[in-house]
């Protein structure tokens, strides 16, 4: 994650070491001040001490800024990679994961990582350098007292590392719980009208509250472990101070060390204890980030949709040759399907729900590949063609047409960003939407989230207009009239007729009355061609 920022990290480490060195020099100057009091001038030593404090503070501020910016940049790059990866995964991956959970990995998980690097790594690097230097200088003052301090610190460190492993595990579970909550809330908001109409608010709320309670429980477990770490750290440091003051006082009385040496040792003990507490906190934060990184890596480890193959040549026909297909549960959806869809014809696919109609379109669009058999675009085996080139030839309007938040223009230009306003109006005219948009704000009409300002039929026709702009020689329509009234149905049928000119049309229909003018009708029953 930070591999591309080695220069900035190296500079930050150098600044940290220099700053730590300046900080470590301060007790030595104080030692000299104490020893010189009453024996000579000390003004120059005081000015040296002030200079060390100022320069150390400036370097610390710059190092903190540099590391924070580097961490923010690294997290931004991770988000960019994750966005690109999420948009290029095989469709089967989206079938396995809920939308809200994927969104949580992009938002909440990456935020945890950022917090770890800005709040954990920044503190840990400087603190570790200071602590190591202080330990070395403490050894030069009194090795015996240093041994006592290190014994206490080591026991505490072992306990903290063991606890941080639990924190990493609980953080992963907490983020999974937040993902479940996000996915559930996403589903509820999409279906909020249905929920209200059904009076199901209470039952949906109960389910979402259960997800929220689970996220709370995992958060409490993290807090419980973290709450043990910080008191343990404080107890270890207080115990170390008491040991040093007690034993150090005895050694001063015995003449083993001087008062100046004891003061210097105590100051260095401060320099060990303060960063040590920070480092223990950083370990906790970084462990939380590791739990989030595990979830991100689960997605990044998924192989993206293959881009291998040859570019497809222009074609207007499709052929299924003994094609069988099943989803992840191995239940056959299509069995030994062999059909020809000739160029320039209108082919209707009908059959009961679950018979495999939409799956046939998904295979033509190469959202999935057959388990067996061959699928041809013209005379080209689709298995050897790039998916992008196939989709450039085959347009697709799904059953519940996706309308993006934004304007009419934003939606029309999704696949053809260079289309002129004139072409956009032409496409709207073809699907009988021109008048509706002219009454509003034209191509700049804002459609709202998921196009909620449009009726179901209008959304379907807008999606069809978007495909017309692509000018694909083959057009797939998945039950375009399944959720509209008779008036909108006729408008959509008229739009389909307008789009059929010079195209091969494949229409999935839920009733025969809408496809009586088809050149051929394929009847599916339980995944097999029945007629």
Protein backbone atom coordinates (compact mmCIF):
# COMPACT_ATOMS: atom_id res chain seq x y z
CA UNK A 1 0.00 0.00 0.00
CA UNK A 2 2.89 2.35 0.81
CA UNK A 3 5.33 0.82 -1.68
CA UNK A 4 4.91 3.73 -4.10
CA UNK A 5 5.77 6.29 -1.41
CA UNK A 6 9.25 5.12 -0.38
CA UNK A 7 10.81 8.56 -0.93
CA UNK A 8 8.37 10.37 1.33
CA UNK A 9 8.57 7.64 3.95
CA UNK A 10 12.37 7.68 3.90
CA UNK A 11 12.40 11.47 4.37
CA UNK A 12 9.89 11.13 7.21
CA UNK A 13 12.07 8.51 8.92
CA UNK A 14 15.16 10.73 8.54
CA UNK A 15 13.27 13.69 10.03
CA UNK A 16 12.05 11.45 12.81
CA UNK A 17 15.56 10.28 13.62
CA UNK A 18 16.93 13.83 13.57
CA UNK A 19 14.05 15.05 15.74
CA UNK A 20 14.54 12.17 18.15
CA UNK A 21 18.26 12.91 18.32
CA UNK A 22 17.56 16.54 19.19
CA UNK A 23 15.08 15.45 21.83
CA UNK A 24 17.53 12.96 23.30
CA UNK A 25 20.18 15.66 23.54
CA UNK A 26 18.00 17.74 25.84
CA UNK A 27 18.50 15.64 29.01
CA UNK A 28 22.26 15.73 28.40
CA UNK A 29 22.16 19.54 28.32
CA UNK A 30 20.00 19.53 31.47
CA UNK A 31 22.54 17.22 33.14
CA UNK A 32 25.26 19.70 32.28
CA UNK A 33 23.15 22.60 33.57
CA UNK A 34 22.61 20.88 36.92
CA UNK A 35 26.28 20.03 37.24
CA UNK A 36 27.37 23.59 36.28
CA UNK A 37 24.98 25.53 38.55
CA UNK A 38 27.08 27.59 40.98
CA UNK A 39 30.32 26.72 39.22
CA UNK A 40 30.19 28.96 36.12
CA UNK A 41 27.98 30.70 33.49
CA UNK A 42 24.99 28.70 32.25
CA UNK A 43 23.29 31.15 29.84
CA UNK A 44 24.79 29.48 26.78
CA UNK A 45 23.51 26.09 27.95
CA UNK A 46 20.03 27.56 28.42
CA UNK A 47 20.08 28.96 24.87
CA UNK A 48 21.23 25.59 23.51
CA UNK A 49 18.32 23.92 25.32
CA UNK A 50 15.82 26.43 23.87
CA UNK A 51 17.26 25.91 20.38
CA UNK A 52 16.94 22.14 20.70
CA UNK A 53 13.31 22.49 21.78
CA UNK A 54 12.37 24.81 18.90
CA UNK A 55 14.13 22.88 16.12
CA UNK A 56 12.81 19.55 17.45
CA UNK A 57 9.24 20.90 17.46
CA UNK A 58 9.51 22.28 13.91
CA UNK A 59 10.92 19.02 12.56
CA UNK A 60 8.23 17.04 14.39
CA UNK A 61 5.47 19.16 12.88
CA UNK A 62 6.85 18.80 9.35
CA UNK A 63 7.34 15.06 9.76
CA UNK A 64 3.79 14.65 11.03
CA UNK A 65 2.43 16.62 8.06
CA UNK A 66 4.52 14.62 5.58
CA UNK A 67 3.43 11.26 6.94
CA UNK A 68 -0.21 12.31 7.14
CA UNK A 69 -0.25 13.48 3.51
CA UNK A 70 1.54 10.29 2.44
CA UNK A 71 -1.01 8.16 4.27
CA UNK A 72 -3.90 10.11 2.74
CA UNK A 73 -2.37 9.69 -0.72
CA UNK A 74 -1.86 5.95 -0.18
CA UNK A 75 -5.47 5.51 0.95
CA UNK A 76 -6.66 7.52 -2.06
CA UNK A 77 -4.69 5.19 -4.34
CA UNK A 78 -6.22 2.18 -2.57
CA UNK A 79 -9.70 3.60 -3.12
CA UNK A 80 -8.92 4.21 -6.79
CA UNK A 81 -7.69 0.61 -7.16
CA UNK A 82 -10.72 -0.73 -5.31
CA UNK A 83 -13.15 1.33 -7.40
CA UNK A 84 -11.59 0.10 -10.64
CA UNK A 85 -11.54 -3.48 -9.38
CA UNK A 86 -15.15 -3.41 -8.16
CA UNK A 87 -16.35 -2.19 -11.55
CA UNK A 88 -14.49 -4.95 -13.41
CA UNK A 89 -15.30 -8.05 -11.39
CA UNK A 90 -17.21 -10.92 -12.97
CA UNK A 91 -20.98 -10.63 -12.54
CA UNK A 92 -20.89 -13.83 -10.47
CA UNK A 93 -18.95 -11.99 -7.74
CA UNK A 94 -21.77 -9.44 -7.37
CA UNK A 95 -24.16 -12.37 -7.07
CA UNK A 96 -22.22 -13.54 -3.99
CA UNK A 97 -21.81 -10.16 -2.27
CA UNK A 98 -24.38 -7.62 -1.17
CA UNK A 99 -24.08 -4.11 -2.55
CA UNK A 100 -24.03 -2.42 0.86
CA UNK A 101 -21.18 -4.66 2.04
CA UNK A 102 -19.08 -3.79 -1.02
CA UNK A 103 -19.73 -0.08 -0.47
CA UNK A 104 -18.65 -0.44 3.18
CA UNK A 105 -15.30 -1.86 2.10
CA UNK A 106 -14.72 1.18 -0.09
CA UNK A 107 -15.81 3.71 2.54
CA UNK A 108 -15.62 2.53 6.14
CA UNK A 109 -12.76 0.04 5.77
CA UNK A 110 -10.47 2.46 3.94
CA UNK A 111 -11.25 5.14 6.54
CA UNK A 112 -10.02 2.80 9.28
CA UNK A 113 -6.81 2.23 7.32
CA UNK A 114 -6.31 5.98 6.94
CA UNK A 115 -6.80 6.48 10.67
CA UNK A 116 -4.23 3.78 11.40
CA UNK A 117 -1.58 5.36 9.21
CA UNK A 118 -2.25 8.96 10.24
CA UNK A 119 -2.83 8.26 13.93
CA UNK A 120 -0.81 5.07 14.36
CA UNK A 121 2.12 5.07 11.97
CA UNK A 122 2.88 8.78 12.42
CA UNK A 123 3.12 8.37 16.18
CA UNK A 124 4.86 5.01 16.17
CA UNK A 125 7.80 5.95 13.91
CA UNK A 126 8.90 8.97 15.93
CA UNK A 127 8.13 7.30 19.23
CA UNK A 128 10.11 4.18 18.41
CA UNK A 129 13.20 6.17 17.40
CA UNK A 130 13.02 8.24 20.58
CA UNK A 131 12.50 5.18 22.75
CA UNK A 132 15.45 3.27 21.28
CA UNK A 133 17.76 6.27 21.66
CA UNK A 134 16.59 6.86 25.22
CA UNK A 135 17.22 3.23 26.15
CA UNK A 136 20.77 3.43 24.77
CA UNK A 137 21.50 6.60 26.76
CA UNK A 138 19.87 5.13 29.88
CA UNK A 139 22.29 2.22 29.58
CA UNK A 140 25.16 4.71 29.60
CA UNK A 141 23.83 6.21 32.84
CA UNK A 142 22.90 3.04 34.81
CA UNK A 143 22.57 -0.43 33.28
CA UNK A 144 21.11 -1.95 36.45
CA UNK A 145 18.13 0.42 36.62
CA UNK A 146 17.60 0.05 32.87
CA UNK A 147 17.31 -3.73 33.30
CA UNK A 148 14.54 -3.29 35.86
CA UNK A 149 12.64 -0.91 33.56
CA UNK A 150 12.97 -3.21 30.54
CA UNK A 151 11.69 -6.20 32.54
CA UNK A 152 8.48 -4.33 33.35
CA UNK A 153 8.12 -3.02 29.78
CA UNK A 154 8.67 -6.47 28.23
CA UNK A 155 5.90 -8.09 30.27
CA UNK A 156 3.54 -5.28 29.29
CA UNK A 157 4.53 -5.50 25.61
CA UNK A 158 3.77 -9.24 25.48
CA UNK A 159 0.31 -8.64 26.95
CA UNK A 160 -0.40 -5.80 24.50
CA UNK A 161 0.64 -7.80 21.42
CA UNK A 162 -1.57 -10.71 22.50
CA UNK A 163 -4.51 -8.38 23.05
CA UNK A 164 -4.00 -6.65 19.71
CA UNK A 165 -4.51 -9.98 17.92
CA UNK A 166 -7.98 -10.13 19.46
CA UNK A 167 -8.61 -6.54 18.36
CA UNK A 168 -7.76 -7.43 14.75
CA UNK A 169 -10.22 -10.34 14.83
CA UNK A 170 -13.00 -8.30 16.42
CA UNK A 171 -12.42 -5.42 13.98
CA UNK A 172 -12.90 -7.74 11.03
CA UNK A 173 -16.14 -8.99 12.55
CA UNK A 174 -17.25 -5.44 13.33
CA UNK A 175 -16.69 -4.33 9.73
CA UNK A 176 -18.57 -7.38 8.47
CA UNK A 177 -21.44 -6.43 10.77
CA UNK A 178 -21.36 -2.84 9.48
CA UNK A 179 -21.39 -4.27 5.95
CA UNK A 180 -24.48 -6.32 6.79
CA UNK A 181 -26.15 -3.21 8.18
CA UNK A 182 -25.24 -1.18 5.09
CA UNK A 183 -26.52 -3.88 2.76
CA UNK A 184 -29.79 -4.17 4.69
CA UNK A 185 -30.31 -0.41 4.76
CA UNK A 186 -29.57 -0.20 1.03
CA UNK A 187 -32.22 -2.83 0.30
CA UNK A 188 -34.73 -1.07 2.56
CA UNK A 189 -34.24 2.34 0.96
CA UNK A 190 -34.52 0.90 -2.54
CA UNK A 191 -37.81 -0.76 -1.59
CA UNK A 192 -39.05 1.97 0.76
CA UNK A 193 -42.29 2.52 -1.18
CA UNK A 194 -43.09 -1.19 -1.11
CA UNK A 195 -42.26 -1.34 2.60
CA UNK A 196 -44.55 1.60 3.36
CA UNK A 197 -47.35 0.23 1.20
CA UNK A 198 -47.06 -3.14 2.93
CA UNK A 199 -46.95 -1.64 6.40
CA UNK A 200 -43.72 -3.57 6.96
CA UNK A 201 -41.71 -0.80 8.63
CA UNK A 202 -41.67 -2.53 12.02
CA UNK A 203 -40.43 -5.89 10.74
CA UNK A 204 -37.78 -4.29 8.52
CA UNK A 205 -36.71 -2.04 11.39
CA UNK A 206 -36.38 -5.08 13.66
CA UNK A 207 -34.02 -6.75 11.19
CA UNK A 208 -31.92 -3.61 10.75
CA UNK A 209 -31.78 -3.07 14.50
CA UNK A 210 -30.45 -6.62 14.88
CA UNK A 211 -27.67 -5.81 12.39
CA UNK A 212 -26.92 -2.58 14.27
CA UNK A 213 -26.87 -4.49 17.58
CA UNK A 214 -24.37 -6.97 16.14
CA UNK A 215 -22.12 -4.11 15.00
CA UNK A 216 -22.42 -2.61 18.51
CA UNK A 217 -21.50 -5.93 20.13
CA UNK A 218 -18.33 -6.26 18.07
CA UNK A 219 -17.43 -2.64 18.86
CA UNK A 220 -17.90 -3.30 22.59
CA UNK A 221 -15.59 -6.31 22.34
CA UNK A 222 -12.93 -4.11 20.77
CA UNK A 223 -13.42 -1.49 23.49
CA UNK A 224 -13.21 -4.16 26.20
CA UNK A 225 -9.81 -5.38 25.01
CA UNK A 226 -8.52 -1.85 24.34
CA UNK A 227 -9.64 -0.76 27.81
CA UNK A 228 -7.29 -3.36 29.32
CA UNK A 229 -4.32 -2.20 27.26
CA UNK A 230 -4.12 1.43 28.33
CA UNK A 231 -4.42 0.86 32.12
CA UNK A 232 -1.80 -1.90 31.83
CA UNK A 233 0.51 0.52 30.05
CA UNK A 234 -0.05 3.20 32.68
CA UNK A 235 0.52 0.73 35.51
CA UNK A 236 3.78 -0.42 33.94
CA UNK A 237 5.05 3.13 33.56
CA UNK A 238 4.07 4.15 37.10
CA UNK A 239 5.73 1.03 38.45
CA UNK A 240 8.88 1.86 36.50
CA UNK A 241 8.98 5.39 37.94
CA UNK A 242 8.56 4.11 41.49
CA UNK A 243 11.34 1.59 40.95
CA UNK A 244 13.67 4.21 39.50
CA UNK A 245 12.95 6.75 42.23
CA UNK A 246 13.33 4.20 45.02
CA UNK A 247 16.37 2.33 43.76
CA UNK A 248 17.88 5.42 42.15
CA UNK A 249 17.62 7.34 45.43
CA UNK A 250 19.38 4.50 47.23
CA UNK A 251 22.14 4.44 44.62
CA UNK A 252 22.59 8.22 44.94
CA UNK A 253 22.87 7.81 48.71
CA UNK A 254 25.43 5.06 48.20
CA UNK A 255 27.43 7.29 45.84
CA UNK A 256 27.00 4.93 42.88
CA UNK A 257 25.46 7.68 40.74
CA UNK A 258 25.07 11.45 41.09
CA UNK A 259 21.89 13.48 41.47
CA UNK A 260 22.42 14.81 37.94
CA UNK A 261 22.63 11.23 36.66
CA UNK A 262 19.36 10.31 38.41
CA UNK A 263 17.58 13.36 36.96
CA UNK A 264 18.93 12.49 33.50
CA UNK A 265 17.78 8.87 33.87
CA UNK A 266 14.29 9.98 34.95
CA UNK A 267 14.04 12.33 31.96
CA UNK A 268 15.01 9.50 29.62
CA UNK A 269 12.46 7.27 31.36
CA UNK A 270 9.86 9.89 30.43
CA UNK A 271 11.12 9.65 26.85
CA UNK A 272 10.58 5.89 26.97
CA UNK A 273 7.22 5.90 28.73
CA UNK A 274 5.50 8.56 26.64
CA UNK A 275 6.31 6.99 23.24
CA UNK A 276 5.68 3.54 24.67
CA UNK A 277 2.10 4.44 25.51
CA UNK A 278 1.73 5.94 22.05
CA UNK A 279 3.23 2.85 20.41
CA UNK A 280 0.88 0.55 22.33
CA UNK A 281 -2.03 2.68 21.11
CA UNK A 282 -0.62 2.56 17.58
CA UNK A 283 -0.40 -1.24 17.74
CA UNK A 284 -4.10 -1.34 18.61
CA UNK A 285 -4.99 1.04 15.77
CA UNK A 286 -2.83 -0.81 13.24
CA UNK A 287 -4.38 -4.13 14.26
CA UNK A 288 -7.79 -2.63 13.59
CA UNK A 289 -6.53 -1.56 10.17
CA UNK A 290 -5.27 -5.08 9.47
CA UNK A 291 -8.79 -6.38 10.02
CA UNK A 292 -10.06 -3.84 7.48
CA UNK A 293 -7.23 -4.70 5.07
CA UNK A 294 -8.25 -8.37 5.22
CA UNK A 295 -11.74 -7.42 4.03
CA UNK A 296 -10.39 -5.24 1.23
CA UNK A 297 -8.00 -8.00 0.14
CA UNK A 298 -10.91 -10.45 -0.02
CA UNK A 299 -12.26 -8.33 -2.88
CA UNK A 300 -8.91 -7.42 -4.44
CA UNK A 301 -8.00 -11.14 -4.55
CA UNK A 302 -11.03 -11.81 -6.74
CA UNK A 303 -9.93 -12.19 -10.35
CA UNK A 304 -11.32 -9.39 -12.54
CA UNK A 305 -13.39 -10.22 -15.58
CA UNK A 306 -11.10 -11.59 -18.27
CA UNK A 307 -10.10 -9.18 -21.04
CA UNK A 308 -8.43 -11.89 -23.14
CA UNK A 309 -9.58 -12.74 -26.62
CA UNK A 310 -9.80 -11.29 -30.10
CA UNK A 311 -11.91 -8.28 -31.07
CA UNK A 312 -15.29 -9.34 -32.42
CA UNK A 313 -16.03 -8.62 -36.07
CA UNK A 314 -19.38 -6.95 -36.85
CA UNK A 315 -22.18 -9.53 -36.76
CA UNK A 316 -25.97 -9.59 -36.68
CA UNK A 317 -26.80 -13.18 -35.72
CA UNK A 318 -26.46 -15.37 -32.62
CA UNK A 319 -26.41 -19.15 -32.29
CA UNK A 320 -26.64 -21.44 -29.25
CA UNK A 321 -25.06 -24.83 -29.87
CA UNK A 322 -25.96 -27.40 -27.19
CA UNK A 323 -25.46 -24.83 -24.38
CA UNK A 324 -25.87 -25.78 -20.72
CA UNK A 325 -25.41 -23.44 -17.77
CA UNK A 326 -25.86 -23.34 -14.00
CA UNK A 327 -25.16 -20.75 -11.33
CA UNK A 328 -23.01 -21.38 -8.27
CA UNK A 329 -25.47 -23.82 -6.65
CA UNK A 330 -25.01 -26.25 -9.59
CA UNK A 331 -28.75 -26.36 -10.29
CA UNK A 332 -29.13 -26.51 -14.10
CA UNK A 333 -30.69 -23.34 -15.52
CA UNK A 334 -30.20 -24.10 -19.21
CA UNK A 335 -29.87 -27.64 -20.54
CA UNK A 336 -28.70 -28.53 -24.06
CA UNK A 337 -30.11 -25.34 -25.63
CA UNK A 338 -29.61 -25.10 -29.40
CA UNK A 339 -31.26 -22.18 -31.21
CA UNK A 340 -30.50 -19.87 -34.12
CA UNK A 341 -31.27 -16.17 -34.01
CA UNK A 342 -30.93 -15.00 -37.63
CA UNK A 343 -29.71 -11.56 -38.59
CA UNK A 344 -32.32 -8.83 -38.91
CA UNK A 345 -35.10 -10.80 -37.23
CA UNK A 346 -37.18 -10.27 -34.12
CA UNK A 347 -36.92 -13.29 -31.84
CA UNK A 348 -39.09 -13.67 -28.76
CA UNK A 349 -38.16 -15.90 -25.82
CA UNK A 350 -41.12 -16.90 -23.67
CA UNK A 351 -41.74 -19.34 -20.85
CA UNK A 352 -42.68 -19.57 -17.18
CA UNK A 353 -40.74 -17.74 -14.48
CA UNK A 354 -37.39 -19.41 -13.78
CA UNK A 355 -37.26 -21.21 -17.11
CA UNK A 356 -33.97 -19.54 -18.10
CA UNK A 357 -35.14 -16.71 -20.38
CA UNK A 358 -33.07 -13.93 -18.80
CA UNK A 359 -30.12 -16.29 -18.47
CA UNK A 360 -30.03 -16.70 -22.25
CA UNK A 361 -29.64 -12.94 -22.61
CA UNK A 362 -26.96 -12.87 -19.90
CA UNK A 363 -24.97 -15.48 -21.84
CA UNK A 364 -25.28 -13.54 -25.10
CA UNK A 365 -24.03 -10.42 -23.28
CA UNK A 366 -21.19 -12.55 -21.84
CA UNK A 367 -22.05 -11.77 -18.24
CA UNK A 368 -21.44 -15.50 -17.78
CA UNK A 369 -19.90 -18.25 -19.89
CA UNK A 370 -21.63 -21.57 -20.63
CA UNK A 371 -20.69 -24.64 -18.61
CA UNK A 372 -20.74 -26.61 -21.85
CA UNK A 373 -21.61 -26.08 -25.48
CA UNK A 374 -20.80 -23.14 -27.75
CA UNK A 375 -22.25 -19.70 -28.28
CA UNK A 376 -21.61 -17.97 -31.61
CA UNK A 377 -21.76 -14.32 -32.66
CA UNK A 378 -22.16 -14.65 -36.40
CA UNK A 379 -19.61 -17.35 -37.20
CA UNK A 380 -17.34 -16.41 -34.27
CA UNK A 381 -17.09 -18.52 -31.12
CA UNK A 382 -17.80 -16.06 -28.30
CA UNK A 383 -15.38 -17.86 -25.98
CA UNK A 384 -12.52 -16.49 -28.07
CA UNK A 385 -13.80 -12.89 -28.20
CA UNK A 386 -13.21 -10.05 -25.77
CA UNK A 387 -16.23 -9.24 -23.66
CA UNK A 388 -15.90 -5.52 -24.41
CA UNK A 389 -16.07 -6.09 -28.17
CA UNK A 390 -19.10 -8.38 -27.81
CA UNK A 391 -20.91 -5.77 -25.71
CA UNK A 392 -20.09 -3.15 -28.32
CA UNK A 393 -22.12 -5.21 -30.80
CA UNK A 394 -24.84 -6.46 -28.43
CA UNK A 395 -26.94 -3.81 -26.66
CA UNK A 396 -28.83 -4.82 -23.52
CA UNK A 397 -31.82 -3.34 -21.67
CA UNK A 398 -32.39 -5.22 -18.42
CA UNK A 399 -35.76 -6.00 -16.87
CA UNK A 400 -35.56 -3.26 -14.25
CA UNK A 401 -33.78 -0.65 -16.32
CA UNK A 402 -31.03 1.15 -14.42
CA UNK A 403 -31.41 4.92 -14.42
CA UNK A 404 -28.55 6.81 -12.81
CA UNK A 405 -28.94 9.76 -10.48
CA UNK A 406 -28.29 12.88 -12.53
CA UNK A 407 -29.82 14.36 -15.65
CA UNK A 408 -31.37 12.87 -18.77
CA UNK A 409 -28.21 13.82 -20.64
CA UNK A 410 -26.01 12.02 -18.08
CA UNK A 411 -27.99 8.83 -18.65
CA UNK A 412 -28.04 9.04 -22.43
CA UNK A 413 -24.31 9.71 -22.67
CA UNK A 414 -23.36 6.81 -20.38
CA UNK A 415 -22.31 4.53 -23.24
CA UNK A 416 -21.80 7.18 -25.95
CA UNK A 417 -20.23 10.23 -24.27
CA UNK A 418 -19.59 11.95 -27.62
CA UNK A 419 -23.24 11.94 -28.74
CA UNK A 420 -24.59 15.37 -29.69
CA UNK A 421 -27.72 16.93 -28.23
CA UNK A 422 -29.36 16.42 -31.61
CA UNK A 423 -28.71 12.66 -31.42
CA UNK A 424 -30.00 12.58 -27.84
CA UNK A 425 -33.26 14.24 -28.87
CA UNK A 426 -33.53 11.79 -31.77
CA UNK A 427 -33.22 8.84 -29.38
CA UNK A 428 -35.85 10.32 -27.05
CA UNK A 429 -38.12 10.87 -30.02
CA UNK A 430 -37.76 7.22 -31.04
CA UNK A 431 -39.01 6.03 -27.65
CA UNK A 432 -41.79 8.63 -27.28
CA UNK A 433 -40.08 10.55 -24.48
CA UNK A 434 -39.29 13.80 -26.27
CA UNK A 435 -42.51 15.56 -25.33
CA UNK A 436 -42.20 14.54 -21.66
CA UNK A 437 -38.67 15.95 -21.44
CA UNK A 438 -39.51 19.13 -23.33
CA UNK A 439 -42.20 19.83 -20.74
CA UNK A 440 -39.55 19.62 -18.03
CA UNK A 441 -36.01 20.98 -18.42
CA UNK A 442 -35.05 19.12 -21.55
CA UNK A 443 -31.83 17.12 -21.44
CA UNK A 444 -30.94 18.83 -18.15
CA UNK A 445 -33.99 17.38 -16.38
CA UNK A 446 -32.82 15.95 -13.03
CA UNK A 447 -34.11 12.41 -12.56
CA UNK A 448 -33.39 11.81 -8.87
CA UNK A 449 -31.87 8.73 -7.27
CA UNK A 450 -32.48 5.67 -9.49
CA UNK A 451 -34.71 7.81 -11.70
CA UNK A 452 -37.53 7.97 -9.16
CA UNK A 453 -39.04 11.05 -10.83
CA UNK A 454 -39.91 8.84 -13.82
CA UNK A 455 -42.56 6.16 -14.06
CA UNK A 456 -41.52 2.56 -14.60
CA UNK A 457 -42.41 2.75 -18.27
CA UNK A 458 -40.50 6.00 -18.72
CA UNK A 459 -37.41 4.51 -17.09
CA UNK A 460 -37.66 1.54 -19.44
CA UNK A 461 -37.96 3.80 -22.48
CA UNK A 462 -35.05 5.98 -21.35
CA UNK A 463 -32.87 2.88 -21.06
CA UNK A 464 -33.97 1.86 -24.55
CA UNK A 465 -33.06 5.33 -25.86
CA UNK A 466 -29.62 4.91 -24.30
CA UNK A 467 -29.14 1.69 -26.23
CA UNK A 468 -30.35 3.26 -29.48
CA UNK A 469 -27.55 5.81 -29.20
CA UNK A 470 -25.07 2.93 -29.07
CA UNK A 471 -26.40 1.84 -32.47
CA UNK A 472 -25.76 -1.84 -31.65
CA UNK A 473 -26.64 -4.25 -34.48
CA UNK A 474 -28.08 -6.71 -31.93
CA UNK A 475 -30.42 -5.53 -29.17
CA UNK A 476 -31.52 -7.60 -26.16
CA UNK A 477 -34.65 -6.59 -24.24
CA UNK A 478 -35.46 -8.39 -20.99
CA UNK A 479 -39.23 -8.26 -20.30
CA UNK A 480 -39.51 -4.56 -21.25
CA UNK A 481 -43.26 -4.39 -20.50
CA UNK A 482 -43.45 -6.56 -17.38
CA UNK A 483 -44.09 -3.76 -14.88
CA UNK A 484 -46.04 -1.13 -16.82
CA UNK A 485 -49.67 -0.34 -17.56
CA UNK A 486 -51.33 -0.91 -20.92
CA UNK A 487 -50.71 2.66 -22.12
CA UNK A 488 -46.99 2.53 -21.32
CA UNK A 489 -46.84 -0.99 -22.71
CA UNK A 490 -48.03 0.21 -26.10
CA UNK A 491 -45.56 3.11 -26.03
CA UNK A 492 -42.74 0.69 -25.27
CA UNK A 493 -43.88 -1.69 -28.01
CA UNK A 494 -43.91 1.22 -30.45
CA UNK A 495 -40.40 2.14 -29.31
CA UNK A 496 -39.27 -1.45 -29.82
CA UNK A 497 -40.69 -1.44 -33.33
CA UNK A 498 -38.82 1.80 -34.03
CA UNK A 499 -35.58 0.30 -32.71
CA UNK A 500 -35.95 -2.88 -34.76
CA UNK A 501 -34.99 -1.23 -38.06
CA UNK A 502 -31.79 -2.81 -39.39
CA UNK A 503 -31.25 -4.63 -36.08
CA UNK A 504 -31.52 -8.12 -34.73
CA UNK A 505 -33.94 -7.98 -31.82
CA UNK A 506 -34.17 -10.54 -29.01
CA UNK A 507 -37.06 -9.91 -26.62
CA UNK A 508 -37.83 -11.84 -23.44
CA UNK A 509 -41.58 -11.64 -22.83
CA UNK A 510 -43.79 -12.70 -19.96
CA UNK A 511 -46.88 -13.03 -22.15
CA UNK A 512 -47.34 -14.02 -25.78
CA UNK A 513 -49.65 -11.11 -26.62
CA UNK A 514 -46.70 -8.69 -26.66
CA UNK A 515 -44.63 -10.66 -29.20
CA UNK A 516 -47.18 -11.88 -31.72
CA UNK A 517 -45.33 -10.03 -34.47
CA UNK A 518 -42.03 -11.84 -33.78
CA UNK A 519 -40.34 -13.68 -36.64
CA UNK A 520 -39.75 -16.63 -34.31
CA UNK A 521 -40.80 -17.54 -30.80
CA UNK A 522 -38.61 -19.72 -28.59
CA UNK A 523 -40.48 -21.41 -25.76
CA UNK A 524 -38.41 -22.40 -22.72
CA UNK A 525 -39.57 -24.80 -20.04
CA UNK A 526 -37.37 -25.79 -17.12
CA UNK A 527 -34.24 -24.70 -18.98
CA UNK A 528 -34.97 -26.63 -22.15
CA UNK A 529 -36.30 -25.52 -25.52
CA UNK A 530 -39.90 -26.72 -25.65
CA UNK A 531 -40.86 -25.14 -28.94
